[in-house]
PDB file of all heavy atoms in Angstrom:
ATOM      1  N   VAL A   1      -3.192  -3.590   0.065  1.00  0.00           N
ATOM      2  CA  VAL A   1      -2.601  -2.620  -0.866  1.00  0.00           C
ATOM      3  C   VAL A   1      -1.093  -2.846  -1.029  1.00  0.00           C
ATOM      4  O   VAL A   1      -0.625  -3.080  -2.153  1.00  0.00           O
ATOM      5  CB  VAL A   1      -2.901  -1.173  -0.419  1.00  0.00           C
ATOM      6  CG1 VAL A   1      -2.221  -0.180  -1.355  1.00  0.00           C
ATOM      7  CG2 VAL A   1      -4.404  -0.932  -0.374  1.00  0.00           C
ATOM      8  N   PRO A   2      -0.290  -2.802   0.057  1.00  0.00           N
ATOM      9  CA  PRO A   2       1.146  -3.073  -0.142  1.00  0.00           C
ATOM     10  C   PRO A   2       1.410  -4.491  -0.630  1.00  0.00           C
ATOM     11  O   PRO A   2       2.371  -4.719  -1.375  1.00  0.00           O
ATOM     12  CB  PRO A   2       1.742  -2.836   1.254  1.00  0.00           C
ATOM     13  CG  PRO A   2       0.612  -2.951   2.202  1.00  0.00           C
ATOM     14  CD  PRO A   2      -0.589  -2.463   1.461  1.00  0.00           C
ATOM     15  N   LEU A   3       0.578  -5.433  -0.224  1.00  0.00           N
ATOM     16  CA  LEU A   3       0.758  -6.813  -0.669  1.00  0.00           C
ATOM     17  C   LEU A   3       0.623  -6.901  -2.181  1.00  0.00           C
ATOM     18  O   LEU A   3       1.437  -7.548  -2.866  1.00  0.00           O
ATOM     19  CB  LEU A   3      -0.282  -7.704   0.016  1.00  0.00           C
ATOM     20  CG  LEU A   3      -0.113  -9.219  -0.126  1.00  0.00           C
ATOM     21  CD1 LEU A   3       1.208  -9.663   0.474  1.00  0.00           C
ATOM     22  CD2 LEU A   3      -1.277  -9.933   0.562  1.00  0.00           C
ATOM     23  N   THR A   4      -0.381  -6.235  -2.724  1.00  0.00           N
ATOM     24  CA  THR A   4      -0.585  -6.236  -4.176  1.00  0.00           C
ATOM     25  C   THR A   4       0.585  -5.589  -4.897  1.00  0.00           C
ATOM     26  O   THR A   4       1.080  -6.109  -5.909  1.00  0.00           O
ATOM     27  CB  THR A   4      -1.885  -5.488  -4.528  1.00  0.00           C
ATOM     28  OG1 THR A   4      -2.990  -6.139  -3.898  1.00  0.00           O
ATOM     29  CG2 THR A   4      -2.099  -5.456  -6.020  1.00  0.00           C
ATOM     30  N   ILE A   5       1.043  -4.445  -4.394  1.00  0.00           N
ATOM     31  CA  ILE A   5       2.136  -3.722  -5.057  1.00  0.00           C
ATOM     32  C   ILE A   5       3.407  -4.559  -5.077  1.00  0.00           C
ATOM     33  O   ILE A   5       4.089  -4.670  -6.103  1.00  0.00           O
ATOM     34  CB  ILE A   5       2.376  -2.376  -4.356  1.00  0.00           C
ATOM     35  CG1 ILE A   5       1.158  -1.460  -4.529  1.00  0.00           C
ATOM     36  CG2 ILE A   5       3.639  -1.701  -4.890  1.00  0.00           C
ATOM     37  CD1 ILE A   5       1.226  -0.171  -3.744  1.00  0.00           C
ATOM     38  N   VAL A   6       3.727  -5.174  -3.949  1.00  0.00           N
ATOM     39  CA  VAL A   6       4.955  -5.964  -3.856  1.00  0.00           C
ATOM     40  C   VAL A   6       4.891  -7.185  -4.779  1.00  0.00           C
ATOM     41  O   VAL A   6       5.838  -7.469  -5.527  1.00  0.00           O
ATOM     42  CB  VAL A   6       5.208  -6.394  -2.396  1.00  0.00           C
ATOM     43  CG1 VAL A   6       6.346  -7.410  -2.329  1.00  0.00           C
ATOM     44  CG2 VAL A   6       5.542  -5.174  -1.544  1.00  0.00           C
ATOM     45  N   ILE A   7       3.765  -7.906  -4.748  1.00  0.00           N
ATOM     46  CA  ILE A   7       3.656  -9.119  -5.564  1.00  0.00           C
ATOM     47  C   ILE A   7       3.626  -8.770  -7.047  1.00  0.00           C
ATOM     48  O   ILE A   7       4.223  -9.469  -7.881  1.00  0.00           O
ATOM     49  CB  ILE A   7       2.401  -9.922  -5.159  1.00  0.00           C
ATOM     50  CG1 ILE A   7       2.558 -10.453  -3.729  1.00  0.00           C
ATOM     51  CG2 ILE A   7       2.181 -11.085  -6.113  1.00  0.00           C
ATOM     52  CD1 ILE A   7       3.745 -11.375  -3.523  1.00  0.00           C
ATOM     53  N   ASN A   8       2.951  -7.694  -7.399  1.00  0.00           N
ATOM     54  CA  ASN A   8       2.918  -7.298  -8.805  1.00  0.00           C
ATOM     55  C   ASN A   8       4.305  -6.862  -9.279  1.00  0.00           C
ATOM     56  O   ASN A   8       4.709  -7.173 -10.409  1.00  0.00           O
ATOM     57  CB  ASN A   8       1.923  -6.159  -9.007  1.00  0.00           C
ATOM     58  CG  ASN A   8       1.705  -5.829 -10.469  1.00  0.00           C
ATOM     59  OD1 ASN A   8       1.346  -6.696 -11.256  1.00  0.00           O
ATOM     60  ND2 ASN A   8       1.921  -4.589 -10.845  1.00  0.00           N
ATOM     61  N   SER A   9       5.037  -6.163  -8.428  1.00  0.00           N
ATOM     62  CA  SER A   9       6.408  -5.769  -8.776  1.00  0.00           C
ATOM     63  C   SER A   9       7.297  -7.001  -8.918  1.00  0.00           C
ATOM     64  O   SER A   9       8.165  -7.059  -9.806  1.00  0.00           O
ATOM     65  CB  SER A   9       6.972  -4.832  -7.703  1.00  0.00           C
ATOM     66  OG  SER A   9       6.161  -3.686  -7.554  1.00  0.00           O
ATOM     67  N   LEU A  10       7.078  -7.985  -8.044  1.00  0.00           N
ATOM     68  CA  LEU A  10       7.826  -9.241  -8.146  1.00  0.00           C
ATOM     69  C   LEU A  10       7.549  -9.927  -9.471  1.00  0.00           C
ATOM     70  O   LEU A  10       8.457 -10.441 -10.134  1.00  0.00           O
ATOM     71  CB  LEU A  10       7.438 -10.155  -6.981  1.00  0.00           C
ATOM     72  CG  LEU A  10       8.066 -11.561  -6.960  1.00  0.00           C
ATOM     73  CD1 LEU A  10       9.573 -11.470  -6.818  1.00  0.00           C
ATOM     74  CD2 LEU A  10       7.476 -12.388  -5.816  1.00  0.00           C
ATOM     75  N   ARG A  11       6.277  -9.907  -9.889  1.00  0.00           N
ATOM     76  CA  ARG A  11       5.923 -10.515 -11.181  1.00  0.00           C
ATOM     77  C   ARG A  11       6.631  -9.809 -12.323  1.00  0.00           C
ATOM     78  O   ARG A  11       7.205 -10.461 -13.222  1.00  0.00           O
ATOM     79  CB  ARG A  11       4.409 -10.437 -11.372  1.00  0.00           C
ATOM     80  CG  ARG A  11       3.934 -10.979 -12.707  1.00  0.00           C
ATOM     81  CD  ARG A  11       2.527 -10.511 -13.006  1.00  0.00           C
ATOM     82  NE  ARG A  11       2.075 -11.011 -14.294  1.00  0.00           N
ATOM     83  CZ  ARG A  11       1.061 -10.509 -14.975  1.00  0.00           C
ATOM     84  NH1 ARG A  11       0.395  -9.478 -14.489  1.00  0.00           N
ATOM     85  NH2 ARG A  11       0.701 -11.008 -16.138  1.00  0.00           N
ATOM     86  N   ILE A  12       6.610  -8.466 -12.319  1.00  0.00           N
ATOM     87  CA  ILE A  12       7.264  -7.710 -13.398  1.00  0.00           C
ATOM     88  C   ILE A  12       8.758  -7.988 -13.410  1.00  0.00           C
ATOM     89  O   ILE A  12       9.369  -8.197 -14.471  1.00  0.00           O
ATOM     90  CB  ILE A  12       6.981  -6.210 -13.219  1.00  0.00           C
ATOM     91  CG1 ILE A  12       5.497  -5.925 -13.457  1.00  0.00           C
ATOM     92  CG2 ILE A  12       7.852  -5.371 -14.146  1.00  0.00           C
ATOM     93  CD1 ILE A  12       5.074  -4.520 -13.097  1.00  0.00           C
ATOM     94  N   GLY A  13       9.377  -8.009 -12.223  1.00  0.00           N
ATOM     95  CA  GLY A  13      10.808  -8.292 -12.149  1.00  0.00           C
ATOM     96  C   GLY A  13      11.153  -9.676 -12.658  1.00  0.00           C
ATOM     97  O   GLY A  13      12.121  -9.857 -13.413  1.00  0.00           O
ATOM     98  N   LEU A  14      10.354 -10.678 -12.278  1.00  0.00           N
ATOM     99  CA  LEU A  14      10.618 -12.056 -12.719  1.00  0.00           C
ATOM    100  C   LEU A  14      10.408 -12.201 -14.219  1.00  0.00           C
ATOM    101  O   LEU A  14      11.131 -12.965 -14.882  1.00  0.00           O
ATOM    102  CB  LEU A  14       9.730 -13.030 -11.953  1.00  0.00           C
ATOM    103  CG  LEU A  14      10.067 -13.198 -10.464  1.00  0.00           C
ATOM    104  CD1 LEU A  14       9.087 -14.155  -9.794  1.00  0.00           C
ATOM    105  CD2 LEU A  14      11.499 -13.694 -10.287  1.00  0.00           C
ATOM    106  N   ILE A  15       9.424 -11.481 -14.773  1.00  0.00           N
ATOM    107  CA  ILE A  15       9.238 -11.518 -16.225  1.00  0.00           C
ATOM    108  C   ILE A  15      10.468 -10.957 -16.918  1.00  0.00           C
ATOM    109  O   ILE A  15      10.960 -11.518 -17.918  1.00  0.00           O
ATOM    110  CB  ILE A  15       7.973 -10.730 -16.629  1.00  0.00           C
ATOM    111  CG1 ILE A  15       6.721 -11.495 -16.215  1.00  0.00           C
ATOM    112  CG2 ILE A  15       7.965 -10.474 -18.138  1.00  0.00           C
ATOM    113  CD1 ILE A  15       5.433 -10.747 -16.480  1.00  0.00           C
ATOM    114  N   GLY A  16      11.015  -9.847 -16.379  1.00  0.00           N
ATOM    115  CA  GLY A  16      12.221  -9.282 -16.961  1.00  0.00           C
ATOM    116  C   GLY A  16      13.398 -10.241 -16.908  1.00  0.00           C
ATOM    117  O   GLY A  16      14.150 -10.367 -17.879  1.00  0.00           O
ATOM    118  N   VAL A  17      13.545 -10.944 -15.786  1.00  0.00           N
ATOM    119  CA  VAL A  17      14.650 -11.909 -15.640  1.00  0.00           C
ATOM    120  C   VAL A  17      14.484 -13.068 -16.617  1.00  0.00           C
ATOM    121  O   VAL A  17      15.438 -13.477 -17.298  1.00  0.00           O
ATOM    122  CB  VAL A  17      14.717 -12.422 -14.188  1.00  0.00           C
ATOM    123  CG1 VAL A  17      15.729 -13.562 -14.078  1.00  0.00           C
ATOM    124  CG2 VAL A  17      15.096 -11.276 -13.246  1.00  0.00           C
ATOM    125  N   THR A  18      13.269 -13.618 -16.710  1.00  0.00           N
ATOM    126  CA  THR A  18      13.043 -14.769 -17.602  1.00  0.00           C
ATOM    127  C   THR A  18      13.169 -14.371 -19.066  1.00  0.00           C
ATOM    128  O   THR A  18      13.644 -15.167 -19.892  1.00  0.00           O
ATOM    129  CB  THR A  18      11.654 -15.381 -17.342  1.00  0.00           C
ATOM    130  OG1 THR A  18      10.646 -14.350 -17.456  1.00  0.00           O
ATOM    131  CG2 THR A  18      11.585 -15.996 -15.956  1.00  0.00           C
ATOM    132  N   VAL A  19      12.753 -13.142 -19.413  1.00  0.00           N
ATOM    133  CA  VAL A  19      12.918 -12.677 -20.792  1.00  0.00           C
ATOM    134  C   VAL A  19      14.404 -12.564 -21.134  1.00  0.00           C
ATOM    135  O   VAL A  19      14.825 -12.908 -22.246  1.00  0.00           O
ATOM    136  CB  VAL A  19      12.207 -11.316 -20.984  1.00  0.00           C
ATOM    137  CG1 VAL A  19      12.668 -10.640 -22.274  1.00  0.00           C
ATOM    138  CG2 VAL A  19      10.691 -11.503 -21.009  1.00  0.00           C
ATOM    139  N   GLU A  20      15.205 -12.105 -20.186  1.00  0.00           N
ATOM    140  CA  GLU A  20      16.633 -11.964 -20.423  1.00  0.00           C
ATOM    141  C   GLU A  20      17.294 -13.305 -20.718  1.00  0.00           C
ATOM    142  O   GLU A  20      18.170 -13.403 -21.585  1.00  0.00           O
ATOM    143  CB  GLU A  20      17.291 -11.310 -19.196  1.00  0.00           C
ATOM    144  CG  GLU A  20      18.803 -11.199 -19.259  1.00  0.00           C
ATOM    145  CD  GLU A  20      19.291 -10.190 -20.286  1.00  0.00           C
ATOM    146  OE1 GLU A  20      18.469  -9.368 -20.760  1.00  0.00           O
ATOM    147  OE2 GLU A  20      20.486 -10.236 -20.607  1.00  0.00           O
ATOM    148  N   TYR A  21      16.851 -14.366 -20.032  1.00  0.00           N
ATOM    149  CA  TYR A  21      17.516 -15.669 -20.175  1.00  0.00           C
ATOM    150  C   TYR A  21      16.823 -16.596 -21.180  1.00  0.00           C
ATOM    151  O   TYR A  21      17.487 -17.442 -21.802  1.00  0.00           O
ATOM    152  CB  TYR A  21      17.596 -16.368 -18.823  1.00  0.00           C
ATOM    153  CG  TYR A  21      18.589 -15.724 -17.879  1.00  0.00           C
ATOM    154  CD1 TYR A  21      18.163 -15.013 -16.767  1.00  0.00           C
ATOM    155  CD2 TYR A  21      19.963 -15.812 -18.117  1.00  0.00           C
ATOM    156  CE1 TYR A  21      19.075 -14.414 -15.902  1.00  0.00           C
ATOM    157  CE2 TYR A  21      20.876 -15.213 -17.269  1.00  0.00           C
ATOM    158  CZ  TYR A  21      20.434 -14.517 -16.165  1.00  0.00           C
ATOM    159  OH  TYR A  21      21.338 -13.928 -15.313  1.00  0.00           O
ATOM    160  N   TRP A  22      15.505 -16.465 -21.346  1.00  0.00           N
ATOM    161  CA  TRP A  22      14.771 -17.418 -22.199  1.00  0.00           C
ATOM    162  C   TRP A  22      13.981 -16.772 -23.330  1.00  0.00           C
ATOM    163  O   TRP A  22      13.239 -17.438 -24.021  1.00  0.00           O
ATOM    164  CB  TRP A  22      13.835 -18.276 -21.341  1.00  0.00           C
ATOM    165  CG  TRP A  22      14.592 -19.198 -20.433  1.00  0.00           C
ATOM    166  CD1 TRP A  22      15.307 -20.301 -20.785  1.00  0.00           C
ATOM    167  CD2 TRP A  22      14.731 -19.075 -19.010  1.00  0.00           C
ATOM    168  NE1 TRP A  22      15.885 -20.875 -19.678  1.00  0.00           N
ATOM    169  CE2 TRP A  22      15.544 -20.152 -18.568  1.00  0.00           C
ATOM    170  CE3 TRP A  22      14.259 -18.182 -18.061  1.00  0.00           C
ATOM    171  CZ2 TRP A  22      15.876 -20.343 -17.231  1.00  0.00           C
ATOM    172  CZ3 TRP A  22      14.581 -18.360 -16.727  1.00  0.00           C
ATOM    173  CH2 TRP A  22      15.378 -19.430 -16.335  1.00  0.00           C
ATOM    174  N   GLY A  23      14.104 -15.462 -23.496  1.00  0.00           N
ATOM    175  CA  GLY A  23      13.513 -14.822 -24.650  1.00  0.00           C
ATOM    176  C   GLY A  23      12.158 -14.186 -24.395  1.00  0.00           C
ATOM    177  O   GLY A  23      11.533 -14.393 -23.345  1.00  0.00           O
ATOM    178  N   PRO A  24      11.677 -13.406 -25.366  1.00  0.00           N
ATOM    179  CA  PRO A  24      10.443 -12.625 -25.189  1.00  0.00           C
ATOM    180  C   PRO A  24       9.175 -13.450 -25.053  1.00  0.00           C
ATOM    181  O   PRO A  24       8.136 -12.929 -24.653  1.00  0.00           O
ATOM    182  CB  PRO A  24      10.402 -11.760 -26.462  1.00  0.00           C
ATOM    183  CG  PRO A  24      11.270 -12.453 -27.449  1.00  0.00           C
ATOM    184  CD  PRO A  24      12.323 -13.137 -26.661  1.00  0.00           C
ATOM    185  N   THR A  25       9.205 -14.743 -25.413  1.00  0.00           N
ATOM    186  CA  THR A  25       7.993 -15.561 -25.273  1.00  0.00           C
ATOM    187  C   THR A  25       7.567 -15.687 -23.804  1.00  0.00           C
ATOM    188  O   THR A  25       6.409 -16.006 -23.531  1.00  0.00           O
ATOM    189  CB  THR A  25       8.239 -16.970 -25.845  1.00  0.00           C
ATOM    190  OG1 THR A  25       9.385 -17.556 -25.200  1.00  0.00           O
ATOM    191  CG2 THR A  25       8.462 -16.908 -27.352  1.00  0.00           C
ATOM    192  N   MET A  26       8.478 -15.424 -22.883  1.00  0.00           N
ATOM    193  CA  MET A  26       8.142 -15.498 -21.458  1.00  0.00           C
ATOM    194  C   MET A  26       7.206 -14.368 -21.036  1.00  0.00           C
ATOM    195  O   MET A  26       6.630 -14.416 -19.943  1.00  0.00           O
ATOM    196  CB  MET A  26       9.424 -15.447 -20.606  1.00  0.00           C
ATOM    197  CG  MET A  26      10.439 -16.532 -20.938  1.00  0.00           C
ATOM    198  SD  MET A  26       9.763 -18.204 -20.758  1.00  0.00           S
ATOM    199  CE  MET A  26       9.436 -18.263 -19.001  1.00  0.00           C
ATOM    200  N   ALA A  27       7.069 -13.350 -21.884  1.00  0.00           N
ATOM    201  CA  ALA A  27       6.205 -12.206 -21.549  1.00  0.00           C
ATOM    202  C   ALA A  27       4.962 -12.162 -22.425  1.00  0.00           C
ATOM    203  O   ALA A  27       4.294 -11.135 -22.511  1.00  0.00           O
ATOM    204  CB  ALA A  27       6.987 -10.902 -21.694  1.00  0.00           C
ATOM    205  N   GLU A  28       4.636 -13.267 -23.070  1.00  0.00           N
ATOM    206  CA  GLU A  28       3.528 -13.269 -24.017  1.00  0.00           C
ATOM    207  C   GLU A  28       2.600 -14.462 -23.793  1.00  0.00           C
ATOM    208  O   GLU A  28       2.983 -15.464 -23.186  1.00  0.00           O
ATOM    209  CB  GLU A  28       4.071 -13.322 -25.461  1.00  0.00           C
ATOM    210  CG  GLU A  28       4.962 -12.143 -25.835  1.00  0.00           C
ATOM    211  CD  GLU A  28       5.673 -12.351 -27.159  1.00  0.00           C
ATOM    212  OE1 GLU A  28       5.615 -13.489 -27.676  1.00  0.00           O
ATOM    213  OE2 GLU A  28       6.279 -11.395 -27.670  1.00  0.00           O
ATOM    214  N   GLY A  29       1.392 -14.320 -24.288  1.00  0.00           N
ATOM    215  CA  GLY A  29       0.449 -15.423 -24.397  1.00  0.00           C
ATOM    216  C   GLY A  29       0.008 -16.057 -23.094  1.00  0.00           C
ATOM    217  O   GLY A  29      -0.080 -15.418 -22.036  1.00  0.00           O
ATOM    218  N   LEU A  30      -0.230 -17.362 -23.166  1.00  0.00           N
ATOM    219  CA  LEU A  30      -0.782 -18.120 -22.050  1.00  0.00           C
ATOM    220  C   LEU A  30       0.147 -18.120 -20.846  1.00  0.00           C
ATOM    221  O   LEU A  30      -0.309 -18.049 -19.696  1.00  0.00           O
ATOM    222  CB  LEU A  30      -1.060 -19.567 -22.504  1.00  0.00           C
ATOM    223  CG  LEU A  30      -1.691 -20.503 -21.463  1.00  0.00           C
ATOM    224  CD1 LEU A  30      -3.056 -19.976 -21.039  1.00  0.00           C
ATOM    225  CD2 LEU A  30      -1.818 -21.916 -22.025  1.00  0.00           C
TER     226      LEU A  30
END
């Protein structure tokens, strides 16, 4: 349970960081 929450939060945070630097395509598609 905590493992899932932490890793999923890490994914959301990294998506936010990559969107900030490389654009919204980092949060879409494949």
